[in-house]
N, C-alpha and C. Protein backbone atom coordinates (compact mmCIF):
# COMPACT_ATOMS: atom_id res chain seq x y z
N UNK A 1 -11.55 -4.02 0.97
CA UNK A 1 -10.69 -2.91 1.32
C UNK A 1 -10.05 -2.35 0.05
N UNK A 2 -9.50 -1.21 0.14
CA UNK A 2 -8.91 -0.51 -0.99
C UNK A 2 -7.63 -1.20 -1.45
N UNK A 3 -7.54 -1.46 -2.75
CA UNK A 3 -6.31 -2.01 -3.31
C UNK A 3 -5.63 -0.92 -4.13
N UNK A 4 -4.36 -0.72 -3.86
CA UNK A 4 -3.61 0.30 -4.58
C UNK A 4 -3.46 -0.04 -6.04
N UNK A 5 -3.58 0.97 -6.87
CA UNK A 5 -3.39 0.80 -8.31
C UNK A 5 -2.13 1.54 -8.71
N UNK A 6 -1.56 1.21 -9.87
CA UNK A 6 -0.33 1.90 -10.30
C UNK A 6 -0.49 3.41 -10.38
N UNK A 7 -1.65 3.88 -10.86
CA UNK A 7 -1.82 5.33 -10.99
C UNK A 7 -1.88 5.98 -9.60
N UNK A 8 -2.52 5.31 -8.63
CA UNK A 8 -2.57 5.85 -7.28
C UNK A 8 -1.17 5.92 -6.69
N UNK A 9 -0.39 4.88 -6.90
CA UNK A 9 0.99 4.87 -6.39
C UNK A 9 1.81 6.01 -6.98
N UNK A 10 1.63 6.27 -8.28
CA UNK A 10 2.36 7.38 -8.91
C UNK A 10 1.91 8.72 -8.35
N UNK A 11 0.60 8.88 -8.14
CA UNK A 11 0.11 10.13 -7.57
C UNK A 11 0.67 10.35 -6.16
N UNK A 12 0.72 9.29 -5.37
CA UNK A 12 1.28 9.40 -4.02
C UNK A 12 2.75 9.79 -4.11
N UNK A 13 3.48 9.20 -5.04
CA UNK A 13 4.89 9.55 -5.21
C UNK A 13 5.05 11.02 -5.61
N UNK A 14 4.18 11.49 -6.50
CA UNK A 14 4.29 12.87 -7.00
C UNK A 14 3.76 13.91 -6.02
N UNK A 15 2.62 13.62 -5.40
CA UNK A 15 1.92 14.64 -4.61
C UNK A 15 1.87 14.36 -3.12
N UNK A 16 2.26 13.18 -2.71
CA UNK A 16 2.14 12.81 -1.31
C UNK A 16 0.83 12.07 -1.08
N UNK A 17 0.71 11.44 0.05
CA UNK A 17 -0.49 10.66 0.37
C UNK A 17 -1.53 11.60 0.98
N UNK A 18 -2.25 12.30 0.12
CA UNK A 18 -3.23 13.30 0.55
C UNK A 18 -4.32 12.69 1.43
N UNK A 19 -4.90 11.53 1.08
CA UNK A 19 -5.91 10.96 1.98
C UNK A 19 -5.37 10.72 3.40
N UNK A 20 -4.14 10.25 3.52
CA UNK A 20 -3.56 10.02 4.85
C UNK A 20 -3.35 11.35 5.58
N UNK A 21 -2.94 12.39 4.85
CA UNK A 21 -2.76 13.70 5.47
C UNK A 21 -4.10 14.25 5.97
N UNK A 22 -5.15 14.08 5.17
CA UNK A 22 -6.47 14.56 5.56
C UNK A 22 -6.97 13.80 6.79
N UNK A 23 -6.77 12.48 6.81
CA UNK A 23 -7.18 11.70 7.98
C UNK A 23 -6.45 12.17 9.23
N UNK A 24 -5.14 12.43 9.09
CA UNK A 24 -4.37 12.91 10.24
C UNK A 24 -4.86 14.25 10.75
N UNK A 25 -5.16 15.17 9.83
CA UNK A 25 -5.68 16.48 10.23
C UNK A 25 -7.05 16.36 10.87
N UNK A 26 -7.90 15.50 10.32
CA UNK A 26 -9.23 15.30 10.90
C UNK A 26 -9.13 14.76 12.32
N UNK A 27 -8.23 13.83 12.54
CA UNK A 27 -8.03 13.28 13.89
C UNK A 27 -7.52 14.35 14.84
N UNK A 28 -6.58 15.19 14.38
CA UNK A 28 -6.06 16.27 15.22
C UNK A 28 -7.18 17.25 15.58
N UNK A 29 -8.01 17.60 14.62
CA UNK A 29 -9.11 18.52 14.87
C UNK A 29 -10.10 17.91 15.85
N UNK A 30 -10.39 16.61 15.70
CA UNK A 30 -11.31 15.94 16.62
C UNK A 30 -10.78 15.97 18.05
N UNK A 31 -9.47 15.72 18.21
CA UNK A 31 -8.88 15.76 19.55
C UNK A 31 -8.96 17.17 20.13
N UNK A 32 -8.63 18.17 19.31
CA UNK A 32 -8.71 19.56 19.77
C UNK A 32 -10.13 19.92 20.18
N UNK A 33 -11.11 19.53 19.37
CA UNK A 33 -12.50 19.82 19.68
C UNK A 33 -12.94 19.12 20.95
N UNK A 34 -12.50 17.88 21.13
CA UNK A 34 -12.80 17.16 22.38
C UNK A 34 -12.32 17.95 23.59
N UNK A 35 -11.09 18.45 23.52
CA UNK A 35 -10.53 19.22 24.64
C UNK A 35 -11.34 20.48 24.89
N UNK A 36 -11.69 21.20 23.84
CA UNK A 36 -12.45 22.44 23.99
C UNK A 36 -13.82 22.16 24.59
N UNK A 37 -14.49 21.12 24.10
CA UNK A 37 -15.82 20.80 24.60
C UNK A 37 -15.77 20.36 26.06
N UNK A 38 -14.75 19.63 26.44
CA UNK A 38 -14.64 19.22 27.85
C UNK A 38 -14.45 20.42 28.76
N UNK A 39 -13.65 21.37 28.32
CA UNK A 39 -13.41 22.57 29.14
C UNK A 39 -14.67 23.42 29.25
N UNK A 40 -15.43 23.55 28.17
CA UNK A 40 -16.57 24.46 28.18
C UNK A 40 -17.79 23.86 28.86
N UNK A 41 -17.96 22.54 28.84
CA UNK A 41 -19.15 21.94 29.44
C UNK A 41 -18.85 21.17 30.71
N UNK A 42 -17.60 20.95 30.99
CA UNK A 42 -17.24 20.17 32.17
C UNK A 42 -17.22 18.68 31.88
N UNK A 43 -18.06 18.23 30.97
CA UNK A 43 -18.09 16.82 30.62
C UNK A 43 -18.56 16.68 29.18
N UNK A 44 -17.82 15.95 28.41
CA UNK A 44 -18.18 15.71 27.02
C UNK A 44 -17.78 14.30 26.66
N UNK A 45 -18.74 13.37 26.62
CA UNK A 45 -18.37 12.00 26.28
C UNK A 45 -17.98 11.91 24.81
N UNK A 46 -16.75 11.53 24.57
CA UNK A 46 -16.30 11.44 23.18
C UNK A 46 -16.88 10.19 22.54
N UNK A 47 -16.96 10.20 21.24
CA UNK A 47 -17.49 9.06 20.50
C UNK A 47 -16.57 7.86 20.67
N UNK A 48 -17.13 6.67 20.71
CA UNK A 48 -16.28 5.48 20.81
C UNK A 48 -15.32 5.41 19.63
N UNK A 49 -14.12 4.93 19.88
CA UNK A 49 -13.10 4.88 18.85
C UNK A 49 -13.36 3.81 17.80
N UNK A 50 -14.27 2.87 18.09
CA UNK A 50 -14.49 1.78 17.15
C UNK A 50 -15.56 2.10 16.11
N UNK A 51 -16.07 3.34 16.09
CA UNK A 51 -17.05 3.70 15.08
C UNK A 51 -16.37 3.82 13.72
N UNK A 52 -17.05 3.39 12.66
CA UNK A 52 -16.44 3.53 11.34
C UNK A 52 -16.34 4.99 10.94
N UNK A 53 -15.34 5.30 10.15
CA UNK A 53 -15.15 6.67 9.69
C UNK A 53 -16.09 7.00 8.55
N UNK A 54 -15.94 8.20 7.99
CA UNK A 54 -16.80 8.61 6.88
C UNK A 54 -16.57 7.72 5.66
N UNK A 55 -17.61 7.55 4.91
CA UNK A 55 -17.53 6.71 3.71
C UNK A 55 -17.01 7.54 2.54
N UNK A 56 -16.23 6.92 1.68
CA UNK A 56 -15.73 7.58 0.48
C UNK A 56 -16.90 7.80 -0.48
N UNK A 57 -16.88 8.91 -1.21
CA UNK A 57 -17.97 9.15 -2.16
C UNK A 57 -17.99 8.06 -3.23
N UNK A 58 -19.19 7.68 -3.61
CA UNK A 58 -19.30 6.63 -4.62
C UNK A 58 -19.09 7.22 -6.00
N UNK A 59 -18.50 6.45 -6.86
CA UNK A 59 -18.25 6.91 -8.23
C UNK A 59 -19.29 6.29 -9.15
N UNK A 60 -20.55 6.47 -8.83
CA UNK A 60 -21.63 5.87 -9.59
C UNK A 60 -22.00 6.66 -10.83
N UNK A 61 -21.02 7.17 -11.53
CA UNK A 61 -21.32 7.92 -12.76
C UNK A 61 -21.53 7.01 -13.92
């Protein structure tokens, strides 16, 4: 799992926790889309909640 580094902690202090904000917005959009799809098709099975999220880009430079 991700271990916080001093530079990451400073960035969060200065700019806010952008990854957490993005995750929150993505979840909100997913919920909104679920509602829209259910209304338009009558039935839309949402993805199971236990699926892993998107993977972080690798820094294989």
